[in-house]
Every structure is written in structure tokens, then in C-alpha cells.
N, C-alpha and C. Protein backbone atom coordinates (compact mmCIF):
# COMPACT_ATOMS: atom_id res chain seq x y z
N MET A 1 1.80 13.04 -24.04
CA MET A 1 3.20 12.90 -23.05
C MET A 1 3.70 11.98 -24.29
N THR A 2 5.01 12.47 -24.27
CA THR A 2 6.16 11.54 -25.10
C THR A 2 7.20 11.27 -24.22
N VAL A 3 6.82 9.94 -24.08
CA VAL A 3 8.52 9.34 -23.15
C VAL A 3 8.72 8.14 -24.05
N SER A 4 10.61 8.08 -23.78
CA SER A 4 10.91 6.61 -24.40
C SER A 4 11.84 6.11 -23.55
N LEU A 5 12.16 5.05 -24.06
CA LEU A 5 12.89 4.20 -22.99
C LEU A 5 14.31 4.69 -23.47
N ASP A 6 14.77 5.95 -24.27
CA ASP A 6 15.94 6.78 -23.75
C ASP A 6 15.86 7.49 -22.94
N ASP A 7 15.15 8.03 -22.02
CA ASP A 7 14.82 8.81 -20.89
C ASP A 7 15.72 8.67 -19.96
N VAL A 8 17.36 9.53 -20.71
CA VAL A 8 18.15 9.08 -19.95
C VAL A 8 19.19 10.46 -20.00
N ALA A 9 19.73 11.25 -18.48
CA ALA A 9 19.60 12.67 -17.97
C ALA A 9 21.13 11.95 -17.54
N GLU A 10 22.05 12.95 -17.66
CA GLU A 10 23.37 13.22 -16.32
C GLU A 10 23.60 14.06 -15.51
N ILE A 11 22.95 13.53 -14.11
CA ILE A 11 22.96 14.27 -13.05
C ILE A 11 24.18 14.44 -12.24
N ALA A 12 24.85 15.59 -12.33
CA ALA A 12 25.99 15.45 -11.02
C ALA A 12 27.10 14.67 -11.86
N GLY A 13 27.36 14.76 -12.84
CA GLY A 13 28.23 13.79 -13.76
C GLY A 13 27.97 12.09 -14.02
N VAL A 14 27.11 11.69 -12.94
CA VAL A 14 26.06 10.60 -12.92
C VAL A 14 25.14 10.21 -14.25
N ARG A 15 24.69 8.98 -14.86
CA ARG A 15 23.62 8.94 -15.95
C ARG A 15 22.38 8.65 -14.93
N ALA A 16 21.44 8.99 -15.38
CA ALA A 16 20.14 8.80 -14.73
C ALA A 16 18.91 8.24 -15.38
N THR A 17 17.91 7.37 -14.82
CA THR A 17 16.77 7.68 -15.78
C THR A 17 16.23 8.33 -15.17
N SER A 18 14.48 8.72 -15.89
CA SER A 18 13.92 9.61 -15.33
C SER A 18 12.99 8.91 -14.12
N PRO A 19 12.27 9.16 -13.30
CA PRO A 19 11.35 8.09 -12.32
C PRO A 19 10.41 7.50 -13.25
N LEU A 20 9.94 7.85 -14.19
CA LEU A 20 8.92 7.05 -15.15
C LEU A 20 9.95 6.05 -15.74
N ARG A 21 10.76 6.14 -16.23
CA ARG A 21 11.35 4.71 -16.99
C ARG A 21 11.71 4.35 -16.17
N THR A 22 12.60 4.31 -14.51
CA THR A 22 13.15 3.96 -13.45
C THR A 22 12.13 3.06 -13.41
N VAL A 23 11.01 3.40 -12.51
CA VAL A 23 9.42 2.63 -12.48
C VAL A 23 9.59 1.57 -13.82
N ALA A 24 9.33 1.61 -14.86
CA ALA A 24 9.26 0.94 -15.61
C ALA A 24 10.38 -0.24 -16.21
N ASP A 25 11.16 0.22 -16.19
CA ASP A 25 12.47 -1.32 -16.14
C ASP A 25 12.01 -1.69 -14.49
N VAL A 26 12.00 -1.26 -13.68
CA VAL A 26 11.95 -2.36 -12.32
C VAL A 26 10.82 -3.28 -12.75
N LEU A 27 9.52 -2.96 -13.33
CA LEU A 27 8.79 -3.19 -13.28
C LEU A 27 8.76 -5.00 -14.19
N LEU A 28 9.58 -4.70 -14.96
CA LEU A 28 10.17 -5.77 -15.79
C LEU A 28 11.01 -6.77 -15.20
N ARG A 29 11.66 -6.48 -14.14
CA ARG A 29 12.70 -7.49 -13.85
C ARG A 29 12.42 -7.72 -11.96
N VAL A 30 11.28 -7.13 -11.43
CA VAL A 30 10.75 -8.00 -10.20
C VAL A 30 9.57 -8.46 -9.82
N ASP A 31 9.47 -9.43 -8.94
CA ASP A 31 7.92 -10.14 -8.92
C ASP A 31 6.87 -9.23 -8.13
N ARG A 32 5.82 -9.63 -8.36
CA ARG A 32 4.52 -8.74 -8.11
C ARG A 32 4.78 -7.92 -6.96
N TYR A 33 4.81 -8.79 -5.55
CA TYR A 33 4.65 -7.69 -4.54
C TYR A 33 6.15 -6.34 -4.74
N PRO A 34 7.12 -6.46 -5.31
CA PRO A 34 7.93 -5.63 -5.08
C PRO A 34 7.54 -4.73 -6.24
N ALA A 35 6.78 -5.14 -6.98
CA ALA A 35 6.60 -4.25 -8.27
C ALA A 35 5.38 -3.48 -7.93
N VAL A 36 4.58 -3.71 -7.04
CA VAL A 36 3.26 -2.96 -6.99
C VAL A 36 3.70 -2.34 -5.95
N SER A 37 4.39 -2.39 -4.93
CA SER A 37 5.00 -1.49 -3.85
C SER A 37 5.90 -0.48 -4.43
N VAL A 38 6.85 -0.80 -5.69
CA VAL A 38 7.42 0.65 -6.42
C VAL A 38 6.24 1.41 -7.07
N LEU A 39 5.40 0.78 -7.73
CA LEU A 39 4.40 1.44 -8.26
C LEU A 39 3.71 2.08 -7.05
N ASP A 40 3.43 1.78 -6.34
CA ASP A 40 2.73 3.01 -4.85
C ASP A 40 3.77 3.64 -4.32
N SER A 41 4.96 3.41 -4.09
CA SER A 41 5.94 4.53 -3.84
C SER A 41 5.63 4.98 -4.58
N ALA A 42 6.06 5.00 -5.49
CA ALA A 42 6.24 6.42 -7.08
C ALA A 42 4.91 7.40 -7.13
N LEU A 43 3.84 6.57 -6.77
CA LEU A 43 2.63 7.59 -6.86
C LEU A 43 2.54 7.94 -5.45
N SER A 44 2.78 7.62 -4.57
CA SER A 44 2.64 7.68 -3.20
C SER A 44 3.53 9.51 -2.91
N ARG A 45 4.62 9.33 -3.14
CA ARG A 45 5.86 10.26 -2.72
C ARG A 45 5.47 11.27 -4.24
N GLY A 46 4.70 11.05 -5.44
CA GLY A 46 4.57 12.13 -6.48
C GLY A 46 5.86 12.00 -7.48
N ARG A 47 6.07 10.59 -7.83
CA ARG A 47 7.89 10.56 -8.37
C ARG A 47 6.90 10.66 -9.89
N VAL A 48 5.75 9.66 -9.73
CA VAL A 48 5.29 9.44 -11.26
C VAL A 48 3.44 10.20 -11.18
N ASN A 49 2.75 10.30 -11.93
CA ASN A 49 1.09 10.62 -11.21
C ASN A 49 0.43 9.37 -12.47
N PRO A 50 -0.56 9.38 -12.12
CA PRO A 50 -1.52 8.27 -12.90
C PRO A 50 -1.76 8.43 -14.20
N ALA A 51 -1.46 9.35 -14.47
CA ALA A 51 -1.70 9.46 -16.38
C ALA A 51 -0.36 9.05 -16.91
N GLN A 52 0.64 9.35 -16.31
CA GLN A 52 2.03 8.69 -16.27
C GLN A 52 1.86 7.23 -16.60
N LEU A 53 1.54 6.79 -15.09
CA LEU A 53 1.80 5.49 -15.53
C LEU A 53 1.02 4.57 -16.81
N ALA A 54 0.04 5.38 -17.40
CA ALA A 54 -0.79 4.73 -18.47
C ALA A 54 0.11 4.56 -19.34
N VAL A 55 1.34 5.46 -19.51
CA VAL A 55 1.85 5.49 -20.80
C VAL A 55 2.77 4.07 -20.51
N ILE A 56 3.12 3.52 -19.44
CA ILE A 56 4.39 2.31 -19.33
C ILE A 56 3.97 1.27 -20.12
N PRO A 57 2.73 0.77 -20.51
CA PRO A 57 2.25 -0.42 -21.02
C PRO A 57 3.09 -0.24 -22.35
N SER A 58 2.84 1.05 -23.12
CA SER A 58 3.74 1.27 -24.01
C SER A 58 5.02 1.58 -24.33
N LEU A 59 5.37 1.49 -23.30
CA LEU A 59 7.08 1.75 -22.85
C LEU A 59 7.46 0.52 -22.90
N ILE A 60 6.92 -0.57 -22.22
CA ILE A 60 7.32 -1.96 -21.83
C ILE A 60 6.79 -2.92 -23.24
N ARG A 61 6.25 -2.74 -23.74
CA ARG A 61 5.70 -3.58 -24.94
C ARG A 61 6.55 -3.99 -25.51
N GLY A 62 6.37 -5.73 -25.53
CA GLY A 62 7.34 -6.22 -26.38
C GLY A 62 8.87 -6.86 -25.57
N ARG A 63 8.53 -6.52 -24.27
CA ARG A 63 10.42 -6.90 -23.64
C ARG A 63 9.35 -7.96 -22.68
N ARG A 64 10.57 -8.77 -22.46
CA ARG A 64 10.48 -9.65 -21.20
C ARG A 64 9.97 -9.18 -20.28
N GLY A 65 8.67 -10.19 -20.04
CA GLY A 65 7.77 -9.67 -18.50
C GLY A 65 7.08 -8.46 -18.44
N ALA A 66 6.93 -8.34 -20.01
CA ALA A 66 5.81 -7.25 -19.86
C ALA A 66 4.33 -7.45 -19.59
N VAL A 67 4.27 -8.23 -19.79
CA VAL A 67 2.56 -9.04 -19.45
C VAL A 67 2.66 -8.50 -18.05
N ALA A 68 3.20 -9.60 -17.15
CA ALA A 68 3.39 -9.66 -15.72
C ALA A 68 3.36 -8.08 -15.12
N ALA A 69 4.09 -7.61 -16.07
CA ALA A 69 4.59 -5.94 -15.30
C ALA A 69 3.21 -5.30 -15.56
N ARG A 70 2.21 -5.77 -16.59
CA ARG A 70 0.89 -4.79 -16.76
C ARG A 70 -0.08 -4.83 -15.54
N ALA A 71 -0.16 -6.44 -15.30
CA ALA A 71 -0.91 -6.52 -14.11
C ALA A 71 -0.89 -6.22 -13.13
N CYS A 72 0.56 -5.84 -12.60
CA CYS A 72 0.96 -5.23 -11.58
C CYS A 72 0.48 -3.85 -11.65
N LEU A 73 0.37 -3.48 -12.78
CA LEU A 73 0.17 -1.51 -13.11
C LEU A 73 -1.63 -1.15 -12.52
N ALA A 74 -2.39 -2.57 -12.58
CA ALA A 74 -3.71 -2.68 -12.10
C ALA A 74 -4.10 -2.54 -10.63
N GLU A 75 -2.98 -2.94 -9.90
CA GLU A 75 -3.13 -2.97 -8.51
C GLU A 75 -2.22 -1.92 -8.33
N ALA A 76 -1.65 -0.83 -8.33
CA ALA A 76 -0.80 0.56 -7.97
C ALA A 76 -1.94 1.03 -7.37
N ASP A 77 -1.30 1.80 -6.12
CA ASP A 77 -2.17 2.32 -5.62
C ASP A 77 -1.79 3.60 -4.70
N GLY A 78 -1.92 4.67 -4.87
CA GLY A 78 -0.92 6.00 -4.13
C GLY A 78 -0.84 5.87 -2.86
N ARG A 79 -1.93 5.33 -2.21
CA ARG A 79 -2.71 5.71 -0.64
C ARG A 79 -1.42 5.21 -0.02
N ALA A 80 -0.92 3.76 -0.28
CA ALA A 80 -0.14 2.99 -0.03
C ALA A 80 0.76 4.42 0.70
N GLN A 81 1.42 3.78 1.75
CA GLN A 81 2.32 5.21 2.61
C GLN A 81 3.57 4.03 2.36
N SER A 82 3.54 2.94 2.83
CA SER A 82 5.02 2.43 2.66
C SER A 82 5.01 1.21 1.86
N PRO A 83 5.83 0.38 1.99
CA PRO A 83 6.16 -1.15 1.21
C PRO A 83 5.51 -1.91 1.99
N LEU A 84 5.57 -1.97 3.43
CA LEU A 84 4.60 -2.68 4.26
C LEU A 84 3.33 -3.11 4.12
N GLU A 85 2.67 -1.59 3.54
CA GLU A 85 1.15 -1.47 3.55
C GLU A 85 0.31 -1.74 2.25
N THR A 86 1.65 -2.25 1.67
CA THR A 86 1.02 -2.40 -0.48
C THR A 86 1.14 -3.85 -0.29
N ARG A 87 2.58 -4.32 0.93
CA ARG A 87 2.69 -5.98 1.03
C ARG A 87 1.23 -6.65 1.88
N SER A 88 0.93 -6.06 2.79
CA SER A 88 -0.74 -6.60 3.33
C SER A 88 -1.48 -6.00 2.73
N ARG A 89 -1.73 -5.22 2.02
CA ARG A 89 -2.92 -5.14 1.23
C ARG A 89 -2.78 -6.05 0.45
N LEU A 90 -1.82 -6.63 -0.14
CA LEU A 90 -1.81 -7.60 -1.34
C LEU A 90 -2.19 -8.56 -0.71
N ARG A 91 -1.92 -9.39 0.61
CA ARG A 91 -2.03 -10.41 1.22
C ARG A 91 -3.59 -10.51 1.31
N CYS A 92 -3.98 -9.57 2.06
CA CYS A 92 -5.58 -9.30 1.62
C CYS A 92 -6.35 -9.95 0.55
N VAL A 93 -5.87 -9.32 -0.56
CA VAL A 93 -6.24 -9.36 -2.15
C VAL A 93 -6.25 -10.50 -2.53
N ASP A 94 -4.91 -11.66 -2.02
CA ASP A 94 -4.48 -12.82 -2.54
C ASP A 94 -5.52 -13.43 -1.63
N GLY A 95 -5.60 -13.41 0.03
CA GLY A 95 -6.52 -14.37 0.47
C GLY A 95 -7.95 -13.78 0.04
N ARG A 96 -8.24 -13.68 -0.73
CA ARG A 96 -9.97 -13.00 -0.95
C ARG A 96 -10.63 -12.10 0.24
N VAL A 97 -9.56 -11.17 1.11
CA VAL A 97 -10.19 -10.88 1.67
C VAL A 97 -9.63 -8.97 1.38
N PRO A 98 -9.74 -8.67 0.12
CA PRO A 98 -9.73 -7.09 0.09
C PRO A 98 -10.16 -5.90 0.81
N PRO A 99 -9.08 -5.00 1.30
CA PRO A 99 -9.46 -3.80 2.08
C PRO A 99 -10.86 -3.11 1.14
N ASP A 100 -11.67 -2.50 1.90
CA ASP A 100 -12.67 -1.52 0.82
C ASP A 100 -12.12 -0.25 0.74
N THR A 101 -11.36 -0.19 1.50
CA THR A 101 -10.17 1.69 1.31
C THR A 101 -9.38 1.31 2.25
N LEU A 102 -8.61 2.27 1.91
CA LEU A 102 -6.85 2.74 2.56
C LEU A 102 -6.87 3.87 2.78
N GLN A 103 -6.27 4.26 4.07
CA GLN A 103 -6.18 5.55 4.80
C GLN A 103 -7.19 5.80 5.34
N LEU A 104 -8.33 4.48 5.92
CA LEU A 104 -9.72 5.17 5.89
C LEU A 104 -9.50 5.82 7.39
N GLN A 105 -10.58 6.89 6.99
CA GLN A 105 -10.74 8.64 8.17
C GLN A 105 -11.60 7.94 9.04
N VAL A 106 -11.55 8.00 9.67
CA VAL A 106 -12.65 8.04 11.28
C VAL A 106 -13.09 9.42 11.96
N ARG A 107 -14.20 9.22 12.09
CA ARG A 107 -14.52 10.66 12.88
C ARG A 107 -15.56 10.56 13.65
N ASP A 108 -16.21 10.99 14.82
CA ASP A 108 -16.52 10.70 15.79
C ASP A 108 -17.71 11.61 15.23
N ASP A 109 -19.08 11.76 15.90
CA ASP A 109 -20.35 12.40 15.48
C ASP A 109 -20.30 13.70 15.21
N ASP A 110 -19.08 14.55 15.69
CA ASP A 110 -19.16 15.87 15.85
C ASP A 110 -18.06 16.74 14.65
N GLY A 111 -17.36 15.36 13.91
CA GLY A 111 -16.37 15.62 12.79
C GLY A 111 -15.09 15.59 13.12
N TYR A 112 -14.66 15.12 14.14
CA TYR A 112 -13.65 15.11 15.02
C TYR A 112 -12.92 13.76 14.46
N LEU A 113 -11.56 14.15 13.78
CA LEU A 113 -10.73 12.65 13.27
C LEU A 113 -10.30 11.98 14.53
N LEU A 114 -11.25 11.16 14.86
CA LEU A 114 -10.62 9.67 15.71
C LEU A 114 -9.00 9.06 15.37
N GLY A 115 -8.79 8.92 14.22
CA GLY A 115 -7.77 8.07 13.40
C GLY A 115 -7.68 7.84 12.36
N ILE A 116 -6.76 7.32 11.52
CA ILE A 116 -6.75 7.21 10.12
C ILE A 116 -6.24 5.57 9.81
N GLY A 117 -6.95 4.55 9.18
CA GLY A 117 -6.33 3.07 9.27
C GLY A 117 -5.87 3.04 8.11
N ASP A 118 -4.74 2.31 8.02
CA ASP A 118 -4.07 2.01 7.05
C ASP A 118 -5.18 1.00 5.90
N LEU A 119 -5.22 0.45 5.98
CA LEU A 119 -6.53 -0.66 5.71
C LEU A 119 -7.51 -0.65 6.26
N GLY A 120 -8.89 -0.45 5.32
CA GLY A 120 -10.11 -0.41 6.24
C GLY A 120 -11.54 -1.39 5.63
N TRP A 121 -12.38 -2.00 6.56
CA TRP A 121 -13.16 -2.45 5.99
C TRP A 121 -14.47 -2.07 6.72
N ARG A 122 -15.35 -0.75 6.27
CA ARG A 122 -15.96 0.01 6.85
C ARG A 122 -16.83 -0.40 7.35
N SER A 123 -18.04 -1.87 6.69
CA SER A 123 -19.34 -2.26 7.02
C SER A 123 -18.92 -2.85 8.48
N PRO A 124 -17.69 -3.87 8.60
CA PRO A 124 -17.87 -4.65 9.83
C PRO A 124 -16.74 -3.47 11.06
N ARG A 125 -16.70 -2.97 10.25
CA ARG A 125 -15.58 -1.57 11.52
C ARG A 125 -14.76 -2.33 11.17
N VAL A 126 -13.72 -2.81 10.66
CA VAL A 126 -12.31 -3.61 11.00
C VAL A 126 -11.08 -2.48 10.26
N ILE A 127 -10.43 -2.45 10.72
CA ILE A 127 -8.87 -1.62 10.62
C ILE A 127 -7.85 -2.33 10.90
N ALA A 128 -6.93 -2.14 9.67
CA ALA A 128 -5.78 -3.21 9.91
C ALA A 128 -4.56 -1.61 9.62
N GLU A 129 -3.48 -1.72 10.67
CA GLU A 129 -2.59 -1.04 10.67
C GLU A 129 -1.43 -1.73 10.36
N ALA A 130 -0.45 -1.55 9.60
CA ALA A 130 0.86 -1.75 8.85
C ALA A 130 1.84 -1.24 9.94
N ASP A 131 2.36 -1.64 10.79
CA ASP A 131 3.23 -0.94 11.57
C ASP A 131 4.71 -1.21 11.25
N GLY A 132 5.38 -0.65 10.62
CA GLY A 132 6.50 -0.28 10.04
C GLY A 132 7.80 -0.11 11.28
N ARG A 133 8.79 -0.90 11.59
CA ARG A 133 9.78 -0.50 12.81
C ARG A 133 9.90 1.03 12.90
N ASP A 134 10.65 1.77 11.57
CA ASP A 134 10.76 2.81 12.01
C ASP A 134 10.30 3.97 12.11
N ALA A 135 8.57 4.05 11.72
CA ALA A 135 7.67 4.70 11.78
C ALA A 135 7.24 4.59 13.30
N HIS A 136 7.58 3.51 14.29
CA HIS A 136 6.46 3.22 15.32
C HIS A 136 7.11 2.48 15.68
N ALA A 137 8.56 3.16 16.17
CA ALA A 137 9.54 2.54 17.23
C ALA A 137 9.64 3.54 18.42
N THR A 138 9.40 4.75 18.07
CA THR A 138 10.04 5.59 18.92
C THR A 138 8.72 5.81 20.24
N PRO A 139 9.19 6.20 21.38
CA PRO A 139 8.12 6.02 22.61
C PRO A 139 7.40 7.06 21.86
N GLU A 140 7.26 8.55 21.38
CA GLU A 140 6.41 9.20 21.53
C GLU A 140 5.13 8.68 20.28
N ALA A 141 5.99 7.58 19.15
CA ALA A 141 4.82 7.19 18.29
C ALA A 141 4.37 5.93 18.53
N LEU A 142 4.73 5.56 20.16
CA LEU A 142 3.69 4.41 20.39
C LEU A 142 2.77 4.88 21.22
N PHE A 143 2.97 5.86 21.84
CA PHE A 143 1.69 6.74 22.78
C PHE A 143 1.26 7.12 22.03
N ALA A 144 1.67 7.63 21.06
CA ALA A 144 0.14 8.29 19.87
C ALA A 144 -0.64 7.06 19.40
N ASP A 145 0.19 5.78 18.85
CA ASP A 145 -0.58 4.97 18.33
C ASP A 145 -1.73 4.46 19.42
N ARG A 146 -0.81 4.31 20.64
CA ARG A 146 -1.99 3.82 21.94
C ARG A 146 -3.18 4.47 22.08
N ARG A 147 -3.14 5.82 21.76
CA ARG A 147 -4.11 6.91 22.16
C ARG A 147 -5.38 6.76 21.05
N ARG A 148 -4.34 6.90 19.75
CA ARG A 148 -5.49 6.44 18.51
C ARG A 148 -6.33 5.16 18.77
N GLN A 149 -5.26 4.19 18.96
CA GLN A 149 -6.01 2.70 18.98
C GLN A 149 -7.05 3.10 20.07
N ASN A 150 -7.46 3.49 20.91
CA ASN A 150 -7.69 3.27 22.13
C ASN A 150 -9.17 3.89 21.73
N ARG A 151 -8.89 5.12 20.74
CA ARG A 151 -10.08 6.35 20.61
C ARG A 151 -10.87 5.30 19.65
N LEU A 152 -10.55 4.61 18.59
CA LEU A 152 -11.07 3.96 17.58
C LEU A 152 -11.73 2.53 18.00
N ILE A 153 -10.96 1.92 18.95
CA ILE A 153 -11.59 0.95 19.88
C ILE A 153 -13.29 1.37 20.45
N ASN A 154 -12.82 2.52 21.12
CA ASN A 154 -14.12 3.06 21.62
C ASN A 154 -15.15 3.61 20.69
N ALA A 155 -14.83 3.94 19.70
CA ALA A 155 -15.55 4.24 18.48
C ALA A 155 -16.09 2.74 18.69
N GLY A 156 -15.94 1.84 18.45
CA GLY A 156 -16.26 0.44 18.17
C GLY A 156 -15.62 -0.11 16.81
N TRP A 157 -14.40 0.17 16.52
CA TRP A 157 -13.81 -0.44 15.53
C TRP A 157 -12.70 -1.52 16.10
N THR A 158 -12.46 -2.88 15.34
CA THR A 158 -11.51 -3.22 15.50
C THR A 158 -10.37 -3.42 15.15
N ILE A 159 -9.14 -3.14 15.53
CA ILE A 159 -8.01 -3.18 15.06
C ILE A 159 -6.99 -4.17 15.62
N LEU A 160 -6.25 -4.49 13.98
CA LEU A 160 -5.45 -5.23 13.92
C LEU A 160 -4.09 -4.99 13.80
N ARG A 161 -2.79 -5.27 13.86
CA ARG A 161 -1.44 -4.61 13.19
C ARG A 161 -0.79 -5.79 13.14
N PHE A 162 -0.41 -4.93 11.96
CA PHE A 162 0.83 -6.19 10.87
C PHE A 162 1.64 -5.69 11.07
N THR A 163 3.15 -6.82 10.73
CA THR A 163 4.10 -6.59 10.96
C THR A 163 4.72 -6.95 9.63
N TRP A 164 6.47 -6.60 9.22
CA TRP A 164 6.47 -7.34 7.96
C TRP A 164 7.01 -8.75 8.23
N ARG A 165 6.93 -9.47 9.12
CA ARG A 165 7.49 -10.35 9.43
C ARG A 165 5.79 -11.26 9.05
N ASP A 166 4.95 -11.21 9.82
CA ASP A 166 3.48 -11.38 9.10
C ASP A 166 3.24 -11.40 7.96
N THR A 167 3.59 -10.57 6.73
CA THR A 167 3.42 -10.58 5.57
C THR A 167 4.24 -11.90 4.89
N LEU A 168 5.26 -12.48 5.48
CA LEU A 168 5.90 -13.47 5.10
C LEU A 168 5.05 -14.31 5.02
N HIS A 169 4.00 -14.72 6.11
CA HIS A 169 3.16 -15.78 6.07
C HIS A 169 2.02 -15.47 4.83
N PRO A 170 1.68 -16.07 3.54
CA PRO A 170 0.84 -15.68 2.95
C PRO A 170 -1.03 -15.89 3.74
N ASP A 171 -0.68 -16.96 4.51
CA ASP A 171 -2.18 -16.79 5.28
C ASP A 171 -2.53 -16.19 6.09
N TYR A 172 -1.55 -16.04 7.03
CA TYR A 172 -1.35 -15.44 8.30
C TYR A 172 -2.96 -13.75 8.13
N ILE A 173 -2.58 -12.78 7.51
CA ILE A 173 -2.65 -11.42 7.46
C ILE A 173 -4.36 -12.18 7.02
N PRO A 174 -4.70 -12.60 5.88
CA PRO A 174 -6.15 -12.58 5.70
C PRO A 174 -6.94 -13.85 6.27
N HIS A 175 -6.52 -14.50 6.97
CA HIS A 175 -7.09 -15.45 7.89
C HIS A 175 -7.41 -14.69 9.71
N THR A 176 -6.62 -13.85 9.66
CA THR A 176 -6.78 -12.83 10.66
C THR A 176 -8.18 -11.83 10.35
N VAL A 177 -7.72 -11.59 9.51
CA VAL A 177 -8.93 -10.18 9.11
C VAL A 177 -10.37 -10.94 8.86
N ARG A 178 -10.15 -12.03 8.64
CA ARG A 178 -11.58 -12.75 8.46
C ARG A 178 -12.39 -12.91 9.09
N GLU A 179 -11.28 -13.78 10.53
CA GLU A 179 -11.88 -13.84 11.63
C GLU A 179 -12.43 -12.11 12.27
N ALA A 180 -11.70 -11.57 12.51
CA ALA A 180 -12.11 -9.98 12.51
C ALA A 180 -13.46 -9.78 12.75
N ILE A 181 -13.46 -10.45 10.68
CA ILE A 181 -14.57 -9.64 10.28
C ILE A 181 -15.69 -10.24 10.60
N ALA A 182 -15.60 -11.57 11.00
CA ALA A 182 -16.83 -12.70 11.50
C ALA A 182 -16.79 -12.59 12.83
N ALA A 183 -16.20 -11.92 14.07
CA ALA A 183 -16.67 -11.96 15.19
C ALA A 183 -17.06 -10.37 14.94
N ALA A 184 -16.73 -9.28 14.40
CA ALA A 184 -17.54 -8.25 13.84
C ALA A 184 -19.09 -8.35 13.29
N GLN A 185 -19.50 -9.26 12.88
CA GLN A 185 -20.54 -9.71 12.33
C GLN A 185 -21.33 -9.76 13.55
N ARG A 186 -20.79 -10.74 14.40
CA ARG A 186 -21.48 -12.04 15.30
C ARG A 186 -22.25 -10.22 16.29
N LYS A 187 -21.45 -9.38 16.93
CA LYS A 187 -21.83 -8.24 17.50
C LYS A 187 -23.04 -7.78 17.59
């Protein structure tokens, strides 16, 4: 794959860079949380693929911010479906309670899908949901969330719900997850 930093095109009279070039440039200019959020979003939306991400170190080599940007590449995960999910995951990683999976599918004994959790800790049966305002604000979404949560709780899972505001407090999410895991292990 040949990609250069001169990867610029004109679209409807506006100069624009390719998604890969844009991601590489953004990584050099933002802190870790927004950088990993951009990577996750680009992967999740199919704007870049893992093979393209592997090219980024060569694109940014020698540029200011390259060392930090390369560290962010290692944390990218296209299963995150929103910046809120990414931030919640990074808070857990930083708090030394990383989820063991993302988009955890929980099924009953017959294979019926009970729900999908944003962040999952399978052994203690803990799920964390990152509840963004847009995706969860309508009455229909709230009712669907409640039904799904009830199914998961009845199947023996602990459900935690976090918002953007929760991610602004570095210790809150990992502390809450740790407490839920400890409570599950006491059962």
C-alpha cells in the first residue's frame, strides 16, 4: 500500500485529505482520549481498516507527536461504537480494570440474543453500558434499554450505566466496575 502525506484531493472544489491521512494528522495534534476515539471511529465506520492503520507509523515518523500517536494506535478498537464507549474503555484501562471484550453478546441457553453490552467482563458477568444522549434519549430507546437490561439481569448479569459526565472523573468508572466485580464474586 502506497500512501504519502501528499494524499490530497479536490472534492466539489474543496481540498480534502484521505481518511487515512486525516487520521494520521489528527493523531499528531490531539491527546490520547480524542486520538483513540478518532481511531476507533475510523475503524468502526470503515473509513480505514487495520492494514491501513499499520501504515500510519511510517506516515508520521519524525514528526512532532509521533511517539504518543504510535502508542494510541495500539489502543485502537473498531468495536467501539462511539467516543463515549472509547472514553469509558480507556477509563477502565487506566484504572486497571480493562474489559475483556467489547460488544459482548449475551445469549440464553437456546441461543436467543438477550442483549449486547458495550463493555464486558465475562467471568464476573458484568456489563457496562455507555449511554449517549442521542442514542438513548427517545422514549422508544429508553423502553428498549429497560427491556434489554431486565433480560440481562434476569440472566444473572450486573449492568452498569455510564454517561459522558462520568468519564470526566478519572476514578469513577473503574471504581464502580471494581465494586460490581467484587460484589459479583461474593455471590
